[in-house]
Amino acid sequence: MAIYDQYAKVYDDSGQIAFSIKMIPYLEGLLQLHPVPGCTMLDLACGTGTVALSFAKQGWEVYGVDASQPMLDQAKQKAEQTSQELILSQQDMRAFVVPHRLALITCLYDSLNYMLSLGDLTQVFRCVAAALLPDGVFMGDMNTRVTLEEVWGNNTFFVEREGIALVMLSSFESQSGLSTVDIAGFVRQDDGRYSRFDEHHAEIAYPDEQVRAALEAAGLQVEAAYECFHFEPPEEDARRIMWVARKPGDRR
């Protein structure tokens, strides 16, 4: 079963929405430091659309791409409930296309770490470069090895919210740098019983120099790498890095 399938309906309520809410003002701060040529954007791996909707509410033309149709369904429902327009499509982030080039592309919540080969990661960046206007900007965050090895490691995590319980079993392979997380979710139904869903997630962390090289190979110029949610370069023990890269163009 695809990831973020049954999980989609309870994704926000399980607490995951907190990351997106925290990301919104951070992106606004980044845009002050890295201005873009217009108010058109794509949120790549947009999930339930929280970040995309925040830009739409500010008058941006907003596209959202995700591999999970159930997640897109949640984003569509939220857009309808708030009378906002999102242009949503189900696509593979390694081969996505948009109707016209855009000023800003974001890819958030370690979605890039789901690219399990450097070739796949570079292909995402190539698609990003093709979809950006000249002088357009890409912003994407990635988990570091510190997170996958030391924070997640080989552990069991529990999340409990009203009517929702998640059991997450993480495993880290030191040689490959691959982290896998098996999720068992339990959702209370109207009759009081719980239904179960299971998902298998896998992420890999890339050294900074490989990410930088992949961005540059795709034709993007790295403007900054920040410790995520801050505006300073990452320390050695940084858990998440925000990459900012620009497509070369005339800035006049």
Foldseek 3Di string as FASTA:
>chain_A
DDPCAVCLVCVVVLPVCVVLVLVQVVVVVVCVVQPWDDQEEEEEQCFLPPNQVVSQVVVGQYEYEHQYPSRVVNNVVVCVVVVGDYHYDYDDLLDDDDPAAGQEYEYEDQPLQQQLDLVSSLSSLLRNLVRHDAFHKYKYKHFALLCQPPVLAQDWDWTDGVQKIKIWGWHADVVSQKIKIKIWMWGQDPVRHTDIDIDIGMGHHDPPVSSCVSNVVSQWAWPDKPLPPDDDHDDPNRGMIMTMTTHHDDPD
